[in-house]
Amino acid sequence: MTEKSYPLEEALKAQSALRSAAGLQPEQFPIQSFVGMVSDEIEILRTQGKTDEEIAALIRRASNIEINSGEIVQNYAPPEERHQHGG
């Protein structure tokens, strides 16, 4: 039997609805946790020749997250430290 899986966007919608129903504010992530969550993508972009500054600029353009290359370097989680989630 194939394991069910859902896109991140759908998981975020569900979490938002649950937090709202529970009277909770949107979840906040410290920069370390955020960079840890996107370290798989950072690794791939690095192998494609992107610099950490280019990656930080991409994040800033796509969101309200203020991040710089130093924060990426400081908080990047190498593969052995990541929790695999079946991307």
Protein backbone atom coordinates (compact mmCIF):
# COMPACT_ATOMS: atom_id res chain seq x y z
CA MET A 1 0.00 0.00 0.00
CA THR A 2 1.31 3.45 -0.92
CA GLU A 3 1.79 5.83 1.98
CA LYS A 4 -0.33 8.98 1.76
CA SER A 5 1.57 12.20 1.21
CA TYR A 6 0.55 15.81 0.73
CA PRO A 7 2.21 18.99 -0.53
CA LEU A 8 3.55 21.42 2.05
CA GLU A 9 0.95 24.02 1.04
CA GLU A 10 -1.89 21.66 2.00
CA ALA A 11 -0.25 20.78 5.32
CA LEU A 12 0.14 24.50 6.08
CA LYS A 13 -3.53 25.16 5.26
CA ALA A 14 -4.62 22.40 7.62
CA GLN A 15 -2.29 23.55 10.39
CA SER A 16 -3.50 27.14 10.00
CA ALA A 17 -7.14 26.06 10.29
CA LEU A 18 -6.40 23.95 13.37
CA ARG A 19 -4.44 26.74 15.07
CA SER A 20 -7.19 29.24 14.27
CA ALA A 21 -9.89 26.93 15.65
CA ALA A 22 -7.81 26.48 18.80
CA GLY A 23 -7.45 30.25 19.22
CA LEU A 24 -3.70 30.15 18.57
CA GLN A 25 -1.59 32.62 16.65
CA PRO A 26 0.29 31.45 13.53
CA GLU A 27 3.30 29.33 14.40
CA GLN A 28 6.62 31.19 14.46
CA PHE A 29 9.97 29.64 13.55
CA PRO A 30 13.33 30.89 14.76
CA ILE A 31 15.84 31.41 11.94
CA GLN A 32 17.74 28.26 12.95
CA SER A 33 14.61 26.11 12.58
CA PHE A 34 13.64 27.74 9.29
CA VAL A 35 17.07 27.23 7.72
CA GLY A 36 17.08 23.67 9.03
CA MET A 37 13.74 23.04 7.32
CA VAL A 38 14.99 24.31 3.96
CA SER A 39 18.49 22.81 4.13
CA ASP A 40 17.60 20.12 1.56
CA GLU A 41 16.73 22.86 -0.94
CA ILE A 42 19.79 24.92 0.02
CA GLU A 43 22.02 21.90 -0.60
CA ILE A 44 20.53 21.34 -4.07
CA LEU A 45 20.79 25.02 -5.01
CA ARG A 46 24.42 25.06 -3.87
CA THR A 47 25.19 22.05 -6.08
CA GLN A 48 23.57 23.97 -8.95
CA GLY A 49 26.08 26.78 -8.40
CA LYS A 50 23.94 29.23 -6.40
CA THR A 51 25.70 31.22 -3.70
CA ASP A 52 24.27 31.61 -0.22
CA GLU A 53 23.62 35.29 -0.99
CA GLU A 54 21.63 34.31 -4.09
CA ILE A 55 19.66 31.80 -2.01
CA ALA A 56 19.00 34.41 0.69
CA ALA A 57 17.85 36.88 -1.98
CA LEU A 58 15.48 34.26 -3.41
CA ILE A 59 13.97 33.67 0.04
CA ARG A 60 13.57 37.43 0.61
CA ARG A 61 11.90 37.93 -2.79
CA ALA A 62 9.49 35.02 -2.27
CA SER A 63 8.48 35.81 1.31
CA ASN A 64 8.58 38.28 4.18
CA ILE A 65 11.54 36.42 5.68
CA GLU A 66 14.54 38.69 6.22
CA ILE A 67 17.62 36.50 5.93
CA ASN A 68 21.20 36.97 4.81
CA SER A 69 23.92 34.63 3.59
CA GLY A 70 25.61 34.58 7.01
CA GLU A 71 22.44 33.26 8.62
CA ILE A 72 22.27 30.52 6.00
CA VAL A 73 25.89 29.53 6.65
CA GLN A 74 25.44 29.65 10.43
CA ASN A 75 22.20 27.63 10.51
CA TYR A 76 22.51 25.22 7.56
CA ALA A 77 21.88 21.64 8.65
CA PRO A 78 24.16 19.14 6.93
CA PRO A 79 22.50 15.97 5.59
CA GLU A 80 23.39 13.86 8.64
CA GLU A 81 21.60 16.31 10.95
CA ARG A 82 18.34 16.52 8.98
CA HIS A 83 15.11 14.68 9.67
CA GLN A 84 13.99 13.03 6.46
CA HIS A 85 10.38 13.68 5.47
CA GLY A 86 10.12 12.08 2.07
CA GLY A 87 10.41 15.02 -0.29
